[in-house]
């Protein structure tokens, strides 16, 4: 069984785009471990960095709503990749391919308008894809929840754009 669960903070803003196989996003997640050294009694800490990749709707949500410092829960599988760089050296990386993403805490943002503009661009792309027939699995209630969450972000509202008692799309398990 290849399963990994992480709770941590983003080390950088998600990066990604629409590729040939759909949307993708990558970011790093830092997890922390604390313990007391038995020999010295000193408090110790270790930070582990994980490369994370998500696809399709999860990628759209990550790109629209996550930022450096956001706390997230990710669940997925570990995958190693190999390639040859420009200098001809073999490179290897291990990444977590996300199957489930939950936003736990937003990173503090200095510019809420910029975050909302980024989110609106994501909603616009989603609606264009729906109109063009590229997306059929999206419900209008999910889109309405996303717009409500953006409104709540801009207004600093605690309601988080709930519609009919449902959580907004970016906070839902996708």
Protein backbone atom coordinates (compact mmCIF):
# COMPACT_ATOMS: atom_id res chain seq x y z
CA UNK A 1 0.00 0.00 0.00
CA UNK A 2 1.40 3.39 -1.02
CA UNK A 3 -0.42 6.02 1.07
CA UNK A 4 0.89 9.20 2.67
CA UNK A 5 -0.90 11.78 4.84
CA UNK A 6 0.61 15.16 5.68
CA UNK A 7 -0.42 18.20 7.67
CA UNK A 8 1.85 21.16 7.15
CA UNK A 9 2.35 24.63 5.74
CA UNK A 10 3.11 25.62 2.16
CA UNK A 11 6.69 26.72 1.67
CA UNK A 12 5.90 28.58 -1.55
CA UNK A 13 2.91 29.66 -3.59
CA UNK A 14 1.52 26.92 -5.83
CA UNK A 15 2.84 26.98 -9.40
CA UNK A 16 1.13 25.36 -12.33
CA UNK A 17 -0.97 25.78 -15.42
CA UNK A 18 -3.25 24.03 -17.83
CA UNK A 19 -1.26 21.23 -19.47
CA UNK A 20 -2.04 18.80 -22.25
CA UNK A 21 -3.66 16.40 -19.78
CA UNK A 22 -5.47 19.10 -17.74
CA UNK A 23 -4.60 21.46 -14.91
CA UNK A 24 -1.70 20.75 -12.59
CA UNK A 25 -0.19 22.53 -9.58
CA UNK A 26 2.95 21.92 -7.55
CA UNK A 27 4.06 23.31 -4.20
CA UNK A 28 6.11 22.31 -1.19
CA UNK A 29 4.73 21.40 2.23
CA UNK A 30 6.78 21.61 5.42
CA UNK A 31 6.01 19.18 8.24
CA UNK A 32 7.52 19.57 11.70
CA UNK A 33 8.57 17.01 14.28
CA UNK A 34 9.36 17.91 17.91
CA UNK A 35 10.94 15.72 20.60
CA UNK A 36 13.11 15.86 23.69
CA UNK A 37 16.58 14.34 23.40
CA UNK A 38 16.83 11.60 26.06
CA UNK A 39 20.58 12.02 26.54
CA UNK A 40 20.70 15.81 26.90
CA UNK A 41 17.11 16.71 27.78
CA UNK A 42 17.20 19.37 25.04
CA UNK A 43 14.15 20.13 22.96
CA UNK A 44 14.74 19.15 19.31
CA UNK A 45 12.93 19.99 16.11
CA UNK A 46 13.13 18.70 12.56
CA UNK A 47 11.44 20.11 9.45
CA UNK A 48 10.85 17.85 6.48
CA UNK A 49 10.03 19.32 3.06
CA UNK A 50 7.70 17.45 0.71
CA UNK A 51 7.19 18.19 -2.99
CA UNK A 52 3.47 17.98 -3.72
CA UNK A 53 1.66 17.75 -7.06
CA UNK A 54 -2.07 17.82 -7.72
CA UNK A 55 -4.11 17.62 -10.89
CA UNK A 56 -7.43 18.70 -12.40
CA UNK A 57 -9.92 20.26 -9.96
CA UNK A 58 -7.56 19.98 -6.97
CA UNK A 59 -4.94 21.89 -8.96
CA UNK A 60 -7.44 24.63 -9.81
CA UNK A 61 -8.38 24.94 -6.14
CA UNK A 62 -4.74 25.01 -5.03
CA UNK A 63 -3.82 27.66 -7.58
CA UNK A 64 -6.82 29.81 -6.69
CA UNK A 65 -6.87 29.54 -2.92
CA UNK A 66 -3.54 28.45 -1.47
CA UNK A 67 -0.53 30.63 -0.75
CA UNK A 68 2.80 30.36 1.01
CA UNK A 69 2.09 29.77 4.70
CA UNK A 70 -1.35 28.16 4.23
CA UNK A 71 -1.86 25.10 6.42
CA UNK A 72 -3.16 22.07 4.53
CA UNK A 73 -3.96 18.39 4.89
CA UNK A 74 -2.91 16.34 1.88
CA UNK A 75 -3.35 12.66 1.27
CA UNK A 76 -1.99 10.79 -1.68
CA UNK A 77 0.71 8.46 -2.88
CA UNK A 78 4.44 8.83 -3.08
CA UNK A 79 5.99 8.70 -6.54
CA UNK A 80 9.62 8.96 -7.58
CA UNK A 81 10.64 10.52 -10.88
CA UNK A 82 13.94 10.44 -12.78
CA UNK A 83 15.24 12.64 -15.59
CA UNK A 84 18.43 13.88 -17.19
CA UNK A 85 19.20 17.58 -16.69
CA UNK A 86 20.75 19.97 -19.24
CA UNK A 87 24.27 19.01 -18.14
CA UNK A 88 23.55 15.30 -18.72
CA UNK A 89 23.34 14.38 -15.02
CA UNK A 90 20.74 11.95 -13.79
CA UNK A 91 18.30 13.62 -11.37
CA UNK A 92 15.79 12.03 -9.01
CA UNK A 93 12.92 13.46 -7.04
CA UNK A 94 10.22 12.08 -4.77
CA UNK A 95 6.82 13.77 -4.78
CA UNK A 96 3.41 13.27 -3.25
CA UNK A 97 0.62 12.99 -5.82
CA UNK A 98 -2.48 14.33 -4.09
CA UNK A 99 -5.80 12.49 -4.04
CA UNK A 100 -7.36 14.54 -1.23
CA UNK A 101 -6.73 18.15 -0.23
CA UNK A 102 -8.20 20.09 2.70
CA UNK A 103 -7.42 23.70 3.44
CA UNK A 104 -7.00 24.03 7.21
CA UNK A 105 -5.85 27.64 7.68
CA UNK A 106 -5.27 30.41 5.20
CA UNK A 107 -2.00 32.24 5.15
CA UNK A 108 -2.32 35.85 6.21
CA UNK A 109 -2.54 37.95 3.07
CA UNK A 110 -1.59 41.56 2.78
CA UNK A 111 -3.59 42.06 -0.42
CA UNK A 112 -7.05 40.42 -0.25
CA UNK A 113 -8.01 42.02 -3.58
CA UNK A 114 -5.11 40.25 -5.33
CA UNK A 115 -6.17 36.91 -3.84
CA UNK A 116 -9.76 37.46 -4.95
CA UNK A 117 -8.62 38.45 -8.45
CA UNK A 118 -6.63 35.20 -8.66
CA UNK A 119 -9.66 33.24 -7.47
CA UNK A 120 -11.98 34.96 -9.94
CA UNK A 121 -9.62 34.09 -12.79
CA UNK A 122 -9.88 30.45 -11.71
CA UNK A 123 -13.68 30.61 -11.62
CA UNK A 124 -13.70 32.30 -15.05
CA UNK A 125 -11.54 29.52 -16.51
CA UNK A 126 -13.79 26.89 -14.95
CA UNK A 127 -16.93 28.52 -16.40
CA UNK A 128 -15.35 28.82 -19.87
CA UNK A 129 -14.40 25.12 -19.72
CA UNK A 130 -17.97 24.25 -18.70
CA UNK A 131 -19.43 26.34 -21.55
CA UNK A 132 -17.03 24.75 -24.05
CA UNK A 133 -17.94 21.23 -22.92
CA UNK A 134 -14.49 20.47 -21.46
CA UNK A 135 -15.94 20.10 -17.95
CA UNK A 136 -19.14 18.26 -17.14
CA UNK A 137 -18.60 17.09 -13.58
CA UNK A 138 -18.81 20.56 -11.98
CA UNK A 139 -22.06 21.52 -10.26
CA UNK A 140 -23.30 25.10 -10.31
CA UNK A 141 -23.58 24.95 -6.52
CA UNK A 142 -19.81 24.35 -6.37
CA UNK A 143 -19.20 27.40 -8.55
CA UNK A 144 -21.56 29.46 -6.39
CA UNK A 145 -19.70 28.28 -3.29
CA UNK A 146 -16.38 29.31 -4.82
CA UNK A 147 -17.72 32.79 -5.62
CA UNK A 148 -19.18 33.04 -2.10
CA UNK A 149 -15.82 32.11 -0.59
CA UNK A 150 -14.13 34.79 -2.68
CA UNK A 151 -16.70 37.36 -1.53
CA UNK A 152 -16.14 36.31 2.08
CA UNK A 153 -12.36 36.61 1.62
CA UNK A 154 -12.68 40.13 0.32
CA UNK A 155 -15.14 41.15 3.03
CA UNK A 156 -13.27 39.37 5.83
CA UNK A 157 -16.50 37.51 6.55
CA UNK A 158 -16.51 34.42 8.80
CA UNK A 159 -19.40 32.86 6.86
CA UNK A 160 -16.90 31.66 4.24
CA UNK A 161 -19.53 31.73 1.50
CA UNK A 162 -21.65 28.82 2.73
CA UNK A 163 -24.59 28.04 0.52
CA UNK A 164 -27.41 25.80 1.69
CA UNK A 165 -25.28 24.80 4.68
CA UNK A 166 -22.50 23.43 2.45
CA UNK A 167 -18.86 24.36 2.85
CA UNK A 168 -17.25 26.29 0.00
CA UNK A 169 -15.61 24.20 -2.69
CA UNK A 170 -12.04 25.00 -1.68
CA UNK A 171 -12.61 23.71 1.87
CA UNK A 172 -14.37 20.55 0.77
CA UNK A 173 -12.74 17.21 0.26
CA UNK A 174 -12.28 16.98 -3.50
